[in-house]
Amino acid sequence: MPILIEAHRYLTETLAGKINQMVFGFDGSSSTSDDGGAGRPSVVVTPSVQVLDEHTISVEGKLDTSVSFTTPIREVVLQYKNPSDNTDILPIFRYTVQPVTKNSGNELKFSILVEVR
């Protein structure tokens, strides 16, 4: 029997409320459901998180021109970090992307649609 729409919306909103960090990293290894999050993290930003409907969360993070790396960005991780405990981190999603060069001459905006099923 499928879950009721109201309950599914609650689960989606709960997950969206836990996404409070977007980590950009240098590790380009394949993402799997059992990996442990960012392999080689480079910078953490606070993303914009919005529930679009009972199944969809939009997450956007931005690196402005003040951020520059000599190594290309190859991974993006969405995670929860407990604000009261620096050791309590829960990786939620990990994406590997084609290498992106980030220097002081460009901005990088990463948008993700998360489907909750």
PDB file of N, CA and C in Angstrom:
ATOM      1  N   MET A   1       0.837  -1.171   0.000  1.00  0.00           N
ATOM      2  CA  MET A   1       0.000   0.000   0.000  1.00  0.00           C
ATOM      3  C   MET A   1       0.890   1.244   0.000  1.00  0.00           C
ATOM      4  N   PRO A   2       0.596   2.221  -0.850  1.00  0.00           N
ATOM      5  CA  PRO A   2       1.445   3.420  -0.918  1.00  0.00           C
ATOM      6  C   PRO A   2       1.227   4.338   0.278  1.00  0.00           C
ATOM      7  N   ILE A   3       2.249   5.125   0.554  1.00  0.00           N
ATOM      8  CA  ILE A   3       2.161   6.094   1.643  1.00  0.00           C
ATOM      9  C   ILE A   3       1.220   7.236   1.220  1.00  0.00           C
ATOM     10  N   LEU A   4       0.487   7.804   2.152  1.00  0.00           N
ATOM     11  CA  LEU A   4      -0.441   8.893   1.852  1.00  0.00           C
ATOM     12  C   LEU A   4       0.322  10.169   1.507  1.00  0.00           C
ATOM     13  N   ILE A   5      -0.284  11.004   0.681  1.00  0.00           N
ATOM     14  CA  ILE A   5       0.365  12.219   0.187  1.00  0.00           C
ATOM     15  C   ILE A   5       0.817  13.119   1.341  1.00  0.00           C
ATOM     16  N   GLU A   6      -0.014  13.281   2.357  1.00  0.00           N
ATOM     17  CA  GLU A   6       0.348  14.152   3.473  1.00  0.00           C
ATOM     18  C   GLU A   6       1.604  13.639   4.195  1.00  0.00           C
ATOM     19  N   ALA A   7       1.683  12.337   4.350  1.00  0.00           N
ATOM     20  CA  ALA A   7       2.858  11.750   5.001  1.00  0.00           C
ATOM     21  C   ALA A   7       4.088  11.893   4.118  1.00  0.00           C
ATOM     22  N   HIS A   8       3.916  11.722   2.825  1.00  0.00           N
ATOM     23  CA  HIS A   8       5.049  11.856   1.908  1.00  0.00           C
ATOM     24  C   HIS A   8       5.562  13.289   1.914  1.00  0.00           C
ATOM     25  N   ARG A   9       4.669  14.252   1.936  1.00  0.00           N
ATOM     26  CA  ARG A   9       5.052  15.659   2.006  1.00  0.00           C
ATOM     27  C   ARG A   9       5.832  15.916   3.306  1.00  0.00           C
ATOM     28  N   TYR A  10       5.387  15.330   4.403  1.00  0.00           N
ATOM     29  CA  TYR A  10       6.074  15.479   5.683  1.00  0.00           C
ATOM     30  C   TYR A  10       7.506  14.925   5.598  1.00  0.00           C
ATOM     31  N   LEU A  11       7.662  13.761   5.001  1.00  0.00           N
ATOM     32  CA  LEU A  11       8.999  13.164   4.851  1.00  0.00           C
ATOM     33  C   LEU A  11       9.894  14.043   3.982  1.00  0.00           C
ATOM     34  N   THR A  12       9.339  14.576   2.901  1.00  0.00           N
ATOM     35  CA  THR A  12      10.101  15.452   2.011  1.00  0.00           C
ATOM     36  C   THR A  12      10.522  16.726   2.739  1.00  0.00           C
ATOM     37  N   GLU A  13       9.605  17.337   3.482  1.00  0.00           N
ATOM     38  CA  GLU A  13       9.933  18.546   4.234  1.00  0.00           C
ATOM     39  C   GLU A  13      10.965  18.269   5.332  1.00  0.00           C
ATOM     40  N   THR A  14      10.875  17.108   5.972  1.00  0.00           N
ATOM     41  CA  THR A  14      11.841  16.742   7.005  1.00  0.00           C
ATOM     42  C   THR A  14      13.236  16.604   6.405  1.00  0.00           C
ATOM     43  N   LEU A  15      13.339  15.903   5.276  1.00  0.00           N
ATOM     44  CA  LEU A  15      14.636  15.760   4.611  1.00  0.00           C
ATOM     45  C   LEU A  15      15.175  17.117   4.169  1.00  0.00           C
ATOM     46  N   ALA A  16      14.326  17.947   3.586  1.00  0.00           N
ATOM     47  CA  ALA A  16      14.759  19.282   3.150  1.00  0.00           C
ATOM     48  C   ALA A  16      15.285  20.098   4.332  1.00  0.00           C
ATOM     49  N   GLY A  17      14.659  19.957   5.480  1.00  0.00           N
ATOM     50  CA  GLY A  17      15.095  20.677   6.668  1.00  0.00           C
ATOM     51  C   GLY A  17      16.433  20.223   7.212  1.00  0.00           C
ATOM     52  N   LYS A  18      16.871  19.048   6.817  1.00  0.00           N
ATOM     53  CA  LYS A  18      18.166  18.522   7.279  1.00  0.00           C
ATOM     54  C   LYS A  18      19.316  18.906   6.352  1.00  0.00           C
ATOM     55  N   ILE A  19      19.026  19.354   5.144  1.00  0.00           N
ATOM     56  CA  ILE A  19      20.102  19.725   4.207  1.00  0.00           C
ATOM     57  C   ILE A  19      20.548  21.140   4.543  1.00  0.00           C
ATOM     58  N   ASN A  20      21.686  21.261   5.235  1.00  0.00           N
ATOM     59  CA  ASN A  20      22.165  22.585   5.619  1.00  0.00           C
ATOM     60  C   ASN A  20      23.601  22.865   5.166  1.00  0.00           C
ATOM     61  N   GLN A  21      24.187  21.930   4.413  1.00  0.00           N
ATOM     62  CA  GLN A  21      25.526  22.160   3.857  1.00  0.00           C
ATOM     63  C   GLN A  21      25.626  21.547   2.461  1.00  0.00           C
ATOM     64  N   MET A  22      26.343  22.261   1.591  1.00  0.00           N
ATOM     65  CA  MET A  22      26.726  21.728   0.288  1.00  0.00           C
ATOM     66  C   MET A  22      28.250  21.766   0.247  1.00  0.00           C
ATOM     67  N   VAL A  23      28.851  20.607   0.042  1.00  0.00           N
ATOM     68  CA  VAL A  23      30.307  20.486   0.045  1.00  0.00           C
ATOM     69  C   VAL A  23      30.779  20.279  -1.393  1.00  0.00           C
ATOM     70  N   PHE A  24      31.675  21.138  -1.858  1.00  0.00           N
ATOM     71  CA  PHE A  24      32.311  20.961  -3.159  1.00  0.00           C
ATOM     72  C   PHE A  24      33.659  20.297  -2.904  1.00  0.00           C
ATOM     73  N   GLY A  25      33.990  19.305  -3.731  1.00  0.00           N
ATOM     74  CA  GLY A  25      35.231  18.571  -3.505  1.00  0.00           C
ATOM     75  C   GLY A  25      35.941  18.195  -4.783  1.00  0.00           C
ATOM     76  N   PHE A  26      37.104  17.568  -4.609  1.00  0.00           N
ATOM     77  CA  PHE A  26      37.984  17.228  -5.720  1.00  0.00           C
ATOM     78  C   PHE A  26      37.957  15.749  -6.103  1.00  0.00           C
ATOM     79  N   ASP A  27      37.290  14.902  -5.326  1.00  0.00           N
ATOM     80  CA  ASP A  27      37.290  13.457  -5.585  1.00  0.00           C
ATOM     81  C   ASP A  27      36.303  13.120  -6.695  1.00  0.00           C
ATOM     82  N   GLY A  28      36.781  12.496  -7.754  1.00  0.00           N
ATOM     83  CA  GLY A  28      35.924  12.164  -8.882  1.00  0.00           C
ATOM     84  C   GLY A  28      35.545  10.700  -8.948  1.00  0.00           C
ATOM     85  N   SER A  29      35.758   9.950  -7.858  1.00  0.00           N
ATOM     86  CA  SER A  29      35.398   8.529  -7.892  1.00  0.00           C
ATOM     87  C   SER A  29      33.876   8.381  -7.977  1.00  0.00           C
ATOM     88  N   SER A  30      33.420   7.258  -8.463  1.00  0.00           N
ATOM     89  CA  SER A  30      31.991   7.025  -8.658  1.00  0.00           C
ATOM     90  C   SER A  30      31.228   7.137  -7.348  1.00  0.00           C
ATOM     91  N   SER A  31      30.037   7.719  -7.444  1.00  0.00           N
ATOM     92  CA  SER A  31      29.151   7.808  -6.276  1.00  0.00           C
ATOM     93  C   SER A  31      28.393   6.506  -6.116  1.00  0.00           C
ATOM     94  N   THR A  32      28.249   6.068  -4.872  1.00  0.00           N
ATOM     95  CA  THR A  32      27.460   4.882  -4.588  1.00  0.00           C
ATOM     96  C   THR A  32      26.576   5.173  -3.377  1.00  0.00           C
ATOM     97  N   SER A  33      25.598   4.320  -3.151  1.00  0.00           N
ATOM     98  CA  SER A  33      24.704   4.542  -2.014  1.00  0.00           C
ATOM     99  C   SER A  33      25.372   4.248  -0.677  1.00  0.00           C
ATOM    100  N   ASP A  34      26.546   3.636  -0.693  1.00  0.00           N
ATOM    101  CA  ASP A  34      27.208   3.326   0.578  1.00  0.00           C
ATOM    102  C   ASP A  34      28.524   4.069   0.785  1.00  0.00           C
ATOM    103  N   ASP A  35      28.811   5.117  -0.039  1.00  0.00           N
ATOM    104  CA  ASP A  35      30.044   5.851   0.243  1.00  0.00           C
ATOM    105  C   ASP A  35      29.819   6.830   1.384  1.00  0.00           C
ATOM    106  N   GLY A  36      30.880   7.374   1.926  1.00  0.00           N
ATOM    107  CA  GLY A  36      30.796   8.123   3.170  1.00  0.00           C
ATOM    108  C   GLY A  36      30.758   9.628   3.044  1.00  0.00           C
ATOM    109  N   GLY A  37      30.437  10.154   1.879  1.00  0.00           N
ATOM    110  CA  GLY A  37      30.369  11.601   1.728  1.00  0.00           C
ATOM    111  C   GLY A  37      31.535  12.121   0.914  1.00  0.00           C
ATOM    112  N   ALA A  38      31.915  13.355   1.156  1.00  0.00           N
ATOM    113  CA  ALA A  38      32.959  14.012   0.370  1.00  0.00           C
ATOM    114  C   ALA A  38      34.302  13.316   0.555  1.00  0.00           C
ATOM    115  N   GLY A  39      34.909  12.916  -0.569  1.00  0.00           N
ATOM    116  CA  GLY A  39      36.199  12.235  -0.520  1.00  0.00           C
ATOM    117  C   GLY A  39      37.347  13.194  -0.279  1.00  0.00           C
ATOM    118  N   ARG A  40      37.337  14.306  -1.008  1.00  0.00           N
ATOM    119  CA  ARG A  40      38.369  15.337  -0.855  1.00  0.00           C
ATOM    120  C   ARG A  40      37.694  16.699  -0.834  1.00  0.00           C
ATOM    121  N   PRO A  41      37.093  17.078   0.293  1.00  0.00           N
ATOM    122  CA  PRO A  41      36.343  18.333   0.349  1.00  0.00           C
ATOM    123  C   PRO A  41      37.236  19.555   0.164  1.00  0.00           C
ATOM    124  N   SER A  42      36.689  20.578  -0.501  1.00  0.00           N
ATOM    125  CA  SER A  42      37.447  21.811  -0.701  1.00  0.00           C
ATOM    126  C   SER A  42      36.791  23.013  -0.035  1.00  0.00           C
ATOM    127  N   VAL A  43      35.468  23.097  -0.115  1.00  0.00           N
ATOM    128  CA  VAL A  43      34.770  24.228   0.483  1.00  0.00           C
ATOM    129  C   VAL A  43      33.335  23.815   0.813  1.00  0.00           C
ATOM    130  N   VAL A  44      32.802  24.392   1.885  1.00  0.00           N
ATOM    131  CA  VAL A  44      31.431  24.126   2.321  1.00  0.00           C
ATOM    132  C   VAL A  44      30.645  25.424   2.231  1.00  0.00           C
ATOM    133  N   VAL A  45      29.452  25.364   1.617  1.00  0.00           N
ATOM    134  CA  VAL A  45      28.568  26.524   1.554  1.00  0.00           C
ATOM    135  C   VAL A  45      27.207  26.155   2.139  1.00  0.00           C
ATOM    136  N   THR A  46      26.474  27.173   2.538  1.00  0.00           N
ATOM    137  CA  THR A  46      25.106  26.967   3.008  1.00  0.00           C
ATOM    138  C   THR A  46      24.190  27.105   1.798  1.00  0.00           C
ATOM    139  N   PRO A  47      23.503  26.029   1.418  1.00  0.00           N
ATOM    140  CA  PRO A  47      22.683  26.085   0.212  1.00  0.00           C
ATOM    141  C   PRO A  47      21.309  26.700   0.462  1.00  0.00           C
ATOM    142  N   SER A  48      20.686  27.084  -0.622  1.00  0.00           N
ATOM    143  CA  SER A  48      19.283  27.473  -0.603  1.00  0.00           C
ATOM    144  C   SER A  48      18.478  26.201  -0.843  1.00  0.00           C
ATOM    145  N   VAL A  49      17.537  25.882   0.052  1.00  0.00           N
ATOM    146  CA  VAL A  49      16.762  24.641  -0.037  1.00  0.00           C
ATOM    147  C   VAL A  49      15.285  25.002  -0.095  1.00  0.00           C
ATOM    148  N   GLN A  50      14.575  24.407  -1.063  1.00  0.00           N
ATOM    149  CA  GLN A  50      13.152  24.704  -1.223  1.00  0.00           C
ATOM    150  C   GLN A  50      12.401  23.429  -1.577  1.00  0.00           C
ATOM    151  N   VAL A  51      11.294  23.183  -0.901  1.00  0.00           N
ATOM    152  CA  VAL A  51      10.411  22.066  -1.244  1.00  0.00           C
ATOM    153  C   VAL A  51       9.517  22.534  -2.384  1.00  0.00           C
ATOM    154  N   LEU A  52       9.567  21.828  -3.521  1.00  0.00           N
ATOM    155  CA  LEU A  52       8.766  22.205  -4.683  1.00  0.00           C
ATOM    156  C   LEU A  52       7.392  21.541  -4.681  1.00  0.00           C
ATOM    157  N   ASP A  53       7.357  20.282  -4.276  1.00  0.00           N
ATOM    158  CA  ASP A  53       6.097  19.549  -4.142  1.00  0.00           C
ATOM    159  C   ASP A  53       6.343  18.370  -3.215  1.00  0.00           C
ATOM    160  N   GLU A  54       5.381  17.465  -3.070  1.00  0.00           N
ATOM    161  CA  GLU A  54       5.531  16.379  -2.086  1.00  0.00           C
ATOM    162  C   GLU A  54       6.642  15.393  -2.433  1.00  0.00           C
ATOM    163  N   HIS A  55       7.216  15.486  -3.640  1.00  0.00           N
ATOM    164  CA  HIS A  55       8.275  14.565  -4.051  1.00  0.00           C
ATOM    165  C   HIS A  55       9.604  15.243  -4.403  1.00  0.00           C
ATOM    166  N   THR A  56       9.652  16.584  -4.434  1.00  0.00           N
ATOM    167  CA  THR A  56      10.809  17.255  -5.022  1.00  0.00           C
ATOM    168  C   THR A  56      11.365  18.351  -4.125  1.00  0.00           C
ATOM    169  N   ILE A  57      12.698  18.326  -3.964  1.00  0.00           N
ATOM    170  CA  ILE A  57      13.433  19.350  -3.224  1.00  0.00           C
ATOM    171  C   ILE A  57      14.427  19.992  -4.188  1.00  0.00           C
ATOM    172  N   SER A  58      14.467  21.313  -4.206  1.00  0.00           N
ATOM    173  CA  SER A  58      15.448  22.056  -4.996  1.00  0.00           C
ATOM    174  C   SER A  58      16.540  22.546  -4.057  1.00  0.00           C
ATOM    175  N   VAL A  59      17.803  22.307  -4.442  1.00  0.00           N
ATOM    176  CA  VAL A  59      18.946  22.733  -3.633  1.00  0.00           C
ATOM    177  C   VAL A  59      19.921  23.469  -4.540  1.00  0.00           C
ATOM    178  N   GLU A  60      20.326  24.680  -4.134  1.00  0.00           N
ATOM    179  CA  GLU A  60      21.278  25.462  -4.918  1.00  0.00           C
ATOM    180  C   GLU A  60      22.388  26.000  -4.024  1.00  0.00           C
ATOM    181  N   GLY A  61      23.605  25.897  -4.531  1.00  0.00           N
ATOM    182  CA  GLY A  61      24.762  26.452  -3.838  1.00  0.00           C
ATOM    183  C   GLY A  61      25.602  27.241  -4.817  1.00  0.00           C
ATOM    184  N   LYS A  62      26.309  28.236  -4.330  1.00  0.00           N
ATOM    185  CA  LYS A  62      27.060  29.127  -5.212  1.00  0.00           C
ATOM    186  C   LYS A  62      28.454  29.382  -4.672  1.00  0.00           C
ATOM    187  N   LEU A  63      29.420  29.377  -5.583  1.00  0.00           N
ATOM    188  CA  LEU A  63      30.787  29.793  -5.269  1.00  0.00           C
ATOM    189  C   LEU A  63      31.043  31.060  -6.074  1.00  0.00           C
ATOM    190  N   ASP A  64      31.316  32.172  -5.384  1.00  0.00           N
ATOM    191  CA  ASP A  64      31.512  33.434  -6.101  1.00  0.00           C
ATOM    192  C   ASP A  64      32.971  33.589  -6.530  1.00  0.00           C
ATOM    193  N   THR A  65      33.312  34.764  -7.049  1.00  0.00           N
ATOM    194  CA  THR A  65      34.657  34.988  -7.598  1.00  0.00           C
ATOM    195  C   THR A  65      35.743  35.031  -6.532  1.00  0.00           C
ATOM    196  N   SER A  66      35.383  35.103  -5.255  1.00  0.00           N
ATOM    197  CA  SER A  66      36.398  35.111  -4.197  1.00  0.00           C
ATOM    198  C   SER A  66      36.978  33.714  -3.951  1.00  0.00           C
ATOM    199  N   VAL A  67      36.337  32.671  -4.528  1.00  0.00           N
ATOM    200  CA  VAL A  67      36.780  31.287  -4.336  1.00  0.00           C
ATOM    201  C   VAL A  67      37.519  30.824  -5.584  1.00  0.00           C
ATOM    202  N   SER A  68      38.712  30.275  -5.391  1.00  0.00           N
ATOM    203  CA  SER A  68      39.531  29.839  -6.516  1.00  0.00           C
ATOM    204  C   SER A  68      40.319  28.586  -6.132  1.00  0.00           C
ATOM    205  N   PHE A  69      40.430  27.650  -7.091  1.00  0.00           N
ATOM    206  CA  PHE A  69      41.179  26.409  -6.869  1.00  0.00           C
ATOM    207  C   PHE A  69      42.064  26.118  -8.078  1.00  0.00           C
ATOM    208  N   THR A  70      43.159  25.416  -7.847  1.00  0.00           N
ATOM    209  CA  THR A  70      43.995  24.960  -8.956  1.00  0.00           C
ATOM    210  C   THR A  70      43.566  23.573  -9.431  1.00  0.00           C
ATOM    211  N   THR A  71      42.814  22.859  -8.593  1.00  0.00           N
ATOM    212  CA  THR A  71      42.302  21.526  -8.923  1.00  0.00           C
ATOM    213  C   THR A  71      40.825  21.649  -9.281  1.00  0.00           C
ATOM    214  N   PRO A  72      40.363  20.960 -10.329  1.00  0.00           N
ATOM    215  CA  PRO A  72      38.948  21.059 -10.714  1.00  0.00           C
ATOM    216  C   PRO A  72      38.005  20.446  -9.675  1.00  0.00           C
ATOM    217  N   ILE A  73      36.816  21.040  -9.568  1.00  0.00           N
ATOM    218  CA  ILE A  73      35.737  20.491  -8.734  1.00  0.00           C
ATOM    219  C   ILE A  73      35.204  19.240  -9.438  1.00  0.00           C
ATOM    220  N   ARG A  74      35.056  18.130  -8.692  1.00  0.00           N
ATOM    221  CA  ARG A  74      34.581  16.876  -9.270  1.00  0.00           C
ATOM    222  C   ARG A  74      33.445  16.223  -8.486  1.00  0.00           C
ATOM    223  N   GLU A  75      33.118  16.772  -7.323  1.00  0.00           N
ATOM    224  CA  GLU A  75      32.049  16.176  -6.520  1.00  0.00           C
ATOM    225  C   GLU A  75      31.296  17.251  -5.758  1.00  0.00           C
ATOM    226  N   VAL A  76      30.027  16.953  -5.492  1.00  0.00           N
ATOM    227  CA  VAL A  76      29.176  17.821  -4.680  1.00  0.00           C
ATOM    228  C   VAL A  76      28.419  16.910  -3.722  1.00  0.00           C
ATOM    229  N   VAL A  77      28.444  17.266  -2.439  1.00  0.00           N
ATOM    230  CA  VAL A  77      27.786  16.474  -1.407  1.00  0.00           C
ATOM    231  C   VAL A  77      26.797  17.364  -0.664  1.00  0.00           C
ATOM    232  N   LEU A  78      25.584  16.862  -0.490  1.00  0.00           N
ATOM    233  CA  LEU A  78      24.607  17.515   0.371  1.00  0.00           C
ATOM    234  C   LEU A  78      24.660  16.788   1.701  1.00  0.00           C
ATOM    235  N   GLN A  79      24.705  17.554   2.785  1.00  0.00           N
ATOM    236  CA  GLN A  79      24.797  16.905   4.085  1.00  0.00           C
ATOM    237  C   GLN A  79      24.132  17.734   5.169  1.00  0.00           C
ATOM    238  N   TYR A  80      23.917  17.058   6.289  1.00  0.00           N
ATOM    239  CA  TYR A  80      23.406  17.695   7.497  1.00  0.00           C
ATOM    240  C   TYR A  80      24.548  17.770   8.493  1.00  0.00           C
ATOM    241  N   LYS A  81      24.744  18.952   9.068  1.00  0.00           N
ATOM    242  CA  LYS A  81      25.704  19.113  10.151  1.00  0.00           C
ATOM    243  C   LYS A  81      24.956  19.707  11.331  1.00  0.00           C
ATOM    244  N   ASN A  82      24.976  18.991  12.443  1.00  0.00           N
ATOM    245  CA  ASN A  82      24.308  19.445  13.655  1.00  0.00           C
ATOM    246  C   ASN A  82      24.970  20.737  14.117  1.00  0.00           C
ATOM    247  N   PRO A  83      24.205  21.836  14.205  1.00  0.00           N
ATOM    248  CA  PRO A  83      24.808  23.113  14.594  1.00  0.00           C
ATOM    249  C   PRO A  83      25.412  23.117  15.998  1.00  0.00           C
ATOM    250  N   SER A  84      24.967  22.220  16.867  1.00  0.00           N
ATOM    251  CA  SER A  84      25.485  22.216  18.237  1.00  0.00           C
ATOM    252  C   SER A  84      26.609  21.212  18.448  1.00  0.00           C
ATOM    253  N   ASP A  85      26.959  20.422  17.415  1.00  0.00           N
ATOM    254  CA  ASP A  85      27.982  19.386  17.568  1.00  0.00           C
ATOM    255  C   ASP A  85      28.765  19.269  16.269  1.00  0.00           C
ATOM    256  N   ASN A  86      29.988  19.757  16.248  1.00  0.00           N
ATOM    257  CA  ASN A  86      30.791  19.754  15.023  1.00  0.00           C
ATOM    258  C   ASN A  86      31.149  18.364  14.517  1.00  0.00           C
ATOM    259  N   THR A  87      30.976  17.336  15.331  1.00  0.00           N
ATOM    260  CA  THR A  87      31.325  15.987  14.882  1.00  0.00           C
ATOM    261  C   THR A  87      30.119  15.224  14.339  1.00  0.00           C
ATOM    262  N   ASP A  88      28.922  15.774  14.484  1.00  0.00           N
ATOM    263  CA  ASP A  88      27.700  15.099  14.044  1.00  0.00           C
ATOM    264  C   ASP A  88      27.355  15.533  12.621  1.00  0.00           C
ATOM    265  N   ILE A  89      27.851  14.764  11.630  1.00  0.00           N
ATOM    266  CA  ILE A  89      27.636  15.074  10.216  1.00  0.00           C
ATOM    267  C   ILE A  89      27.003  13.861   9.553  1.00  0.00           C
ATOM    268  N   LEU A  90      25.945  14.109   8.787  1.00  0.00           N
ATOM    269  CA  LEU A  90      25.249  13.045   8.065  1.00  0.00           C
ATOM    270  C   LEU A  90      25.252  13.352   6.567  1.00  0.00           C
ATOM    271  N   PRO A  91      26.072  12.652   5.763  1.00  0.00           N
ATOM    272  CA  PRO A  91      26.006  12.833   4.313  1.00  0.00           C
ATOM    273  C   PRO A  91      24.659  12.318   3.802  1.00  0.00           C
ATOM    274  N   ILE A  92      24.011  13.095   2.943  1.00  0.00           N
ATOM    275  CA  ILE A  92      22.694  12.731   2.444  1.00  0.00           C
ATOM    276  C   ILE A  92      22.763  12.294   0.980  1.00  0.00           C
ATOM    277  N   PHE A  93      23.417  13.090   0.139  1.00  0.00           N
ATOM    278  CA  PHE A  93      23.577  12.763  -1.279  1.00  0.00           C
ATOM    279  C   PHE A  93      24.989  13.114  -1.707  1.00  0.00           C
ATOM    280  N   ARG A  94      25.548  12.324  -2.623  1.00  0.00           N
ATOM    281  CA  ARG A  94      26.861  12.623  -3.204  1.00  0.00           C
ATOM    282  C   ARG A  94      26.755  12.483  -4.705  1.00  0.00           C
ATOM    283  N   TYR A  95      27.195  13.513  -5.399  1.00  0.00           N
ATOM    284  CA  TYR A  95      27.166  13.526  -6.859  1.00  0.00           C
ATOM    285  C   TYR A  95      28.584  13.714  -7.373  1.00  0.00           C
ATOM    286  N   THR A  96      28.964  12.945  -8.359  1.00  0.00           N
ATOM    287  CA  THR A  96      30.212  13.218  -9.059  1.00  0.00           C
ATOM    288  C   THR A  96      29.843  13.909 -10.363  1.00  0.00           C
ATOM    289  N   VAL A  97      30.639  14.903 -10.729  1.00  0.00           N
ATOM    290  CA  VAL A  97      30.353  15.716 -11.903  1.00  0.00           C
ATOM    291  C   VAL A  97      31.582  15.751 -12.796  1.00  0.00           C
ATOM    292  N   GLN A  98      31.369  16.138 -14.051  1.00  0.00           N
ATOM    293  CA  GLN A  98      32.502  16.360 -14.939  1.00  0.00           C
ATOM    294  C   GLN A  98      33.367  17.465 -14.322  1.00  0.00           C
ATOM    295  N   PRO A  99      34.697  17.388 -14.467  1.00  0.00           N
ATOM    296  CA  PRO A  99      35.576  18.379 -13.842  1.00  0.00           C
ATOM    297  C   PRO A  99      35.218  19.810 -14.252  1.00  0.00           C
ATOM    298  N   VAL A 100      35.123  20.685 -13.248  1.00  0.00           N
ATOM    299  CA  VAL A 100      34.800  22.091 -13.472  1.00  0.00           C
ATOM    300  C   VAL A 100      35.927  22.926 -12.890  1.00  0.00           C
ATOM    301  N   THR A 101      36.501  23.792 -13.702  1.00  0.00           N
ATOM    302  CA  THR A 101      37.560  24.680 -13.240  1.00  0.00           C
ATOM    303  C   THR A 101      36.924  25.882 -12.564  1.00  0.00           C
ATOM    304  N   LYS A 102      37.323  26.129 -11.321  1.00  0.00           N
ATOM    305  CA  LYS A 102      36.799  27.270 -10.562  1.00  0.00           C
ATOM    306  C   LYS A 102      37.960  28.175 -10.215  1.00  0.00           C
ATOM    307  N   ASN A 103      37.944  29.382 -10.820  1.00  0.00           N
ATOM    308  CA  ASN A 103      38.984  30.362 -10.526  1.00  0.00           C
ATOM    309  C   ASN A 103      38.339  31.703 -10.205  1.00  0.00           C
ATOM    310  N   SER A 104      39.150  32.728 -10.015  1.00  0.00           N
ATOM    311  CA  SER A 104      38.616  34.038  -9.624  1.00  0.00           C
ATOM    312  C   SER A 104      37.906  34.751 -10.767  1.00  0.00           C
ATOM    313  N   GLY A 105      37.956  34.173 -11.954  1.00  0.00           N
ATOM    314  CA  GLY A 105      37.306  34.792 -13.110  1.00  0.00           C
ATOM    315  C   GLY A 105      35.915  34.251 -13.403  1.00  0.00           C
ATOM    316  N   ASN A 106      35.417  33.326 -12.561  1.00  0.00           N
ATOM    317  CA  ASN A 106      34.073  32.785 -12.819  1.00  0.00           C
ATOM    318  C   ASN A 106      33.340  32.494 -11.516  1.00  0.00           C
ATOM    319  N   GLU A 107      32.037  32.374 -11.640  1.00  0.00           N
ATOM    320  CA  GLU A 107      31.200  31.939 -10.531  1.00  0.00           C
ATOM    321  C   GLU A 107      30.662  30.561 -10.872  1.00  0.00           C
ATOM    322  N   LEU A 108      30.386  29.785  -9.852  1.00  0.00           N
ATOM    323  CA  LEU A 108      29.828  28.444 -10.047  1.00  0.00           C
ATOM    324  C   LEU A 108      28.547  28.350  -9.232  1.00  0.00           C
ATOM    325  N   LYS A 109      27.449  28.053  -9.906  1.00  0.00           N
ATOM    326  CA  LYS A 109      26.167  27.841  -9.238  1.00  0.00           C
ATOM    327  C   LYS A 109      25.754  26.413  -9.539  1.00  0.00           C
ATOM    328  N   PHE A 110      25.544  25.629  -8.486  1.00  0.00           N
ATOM    329  CA  PHE A 110      25.195  24.211  -8.643  1.00  0.00           C
ATOM    330  C   PHE A 110      23.766  24.024  -8.151  1.00  0.00           C
ATOM    331  N   SER A 111      22.900  23.541  -9.034  1.00  0.00           N
ATOM    332  CA  SER A 111      21.492  23.312  -8.712  1.00  0.00           C
ATOM    333  C   SER A 111      21.186  21.828  -8.809  1.00  0.00           C
ATOM    334  N   ILE A 112      20.480  21.317  -7.812  1.00  0.00           N
ATOM    335  CA  ILE A 112      20.124  19.897  -7.754  1.00  0.00           C
ATOM    336  C   ILE A 112      18.633  19.794  -7.466  1.00  0.00           C
ATOM    337  N   LEU A 113      17.955  18.912  -8.191  1.00  0.00           N
ATOM    338  CA  LEU A 113      16.596  18.540  -7.854  1.00  0.00           C
ATOM    339  C   LEU A 113      16.661  17.157  -7.250  1.00  0.00           C
ATOM    340  N   VAL A 114      16.201  17.028  -6.019  1.00  0.00           N
ATOM    341  CA  VAL A 114      16.209  15.756  -5.305  1.00  0.00           C
ATOM    342  C   VAL A 114      14.788  15.205  -5.342  1.00  0.00           C
ATOM    343  N   GLU A 115      14.641  13.995  -5.883  1.00  0.00           N
ATOM    344  CA  GLU A 115      13.347  13.356  -5.920  1.00  0.00           C
ATOM    345  C   GLU A 115      13.231  12.387  -4.747  1.00  0.00           C
ATOM    346  N   VAL A 116      12.198  12.559  -3.946  1.00  0.00           N
ATOM    347  CA  VAL A 116      11.979  11.723  -2.761  1.00  0.00           C
ATOM    348  C   VAL A 116      10.900  10.720  -3.110  1.00  0.00           C
ATOM    349  N   ARG A 117      11.264   9.448  -3.100  1.00  0.00           N
ATOM    350  CA  ARG A 117      10.296   8.372  -3.456  1.00  0.00           C
ATOM    351  C   ARG A 117      10.159   7.401  -2.335  1.00  0.00           C
TER     352      ARG A 117
END
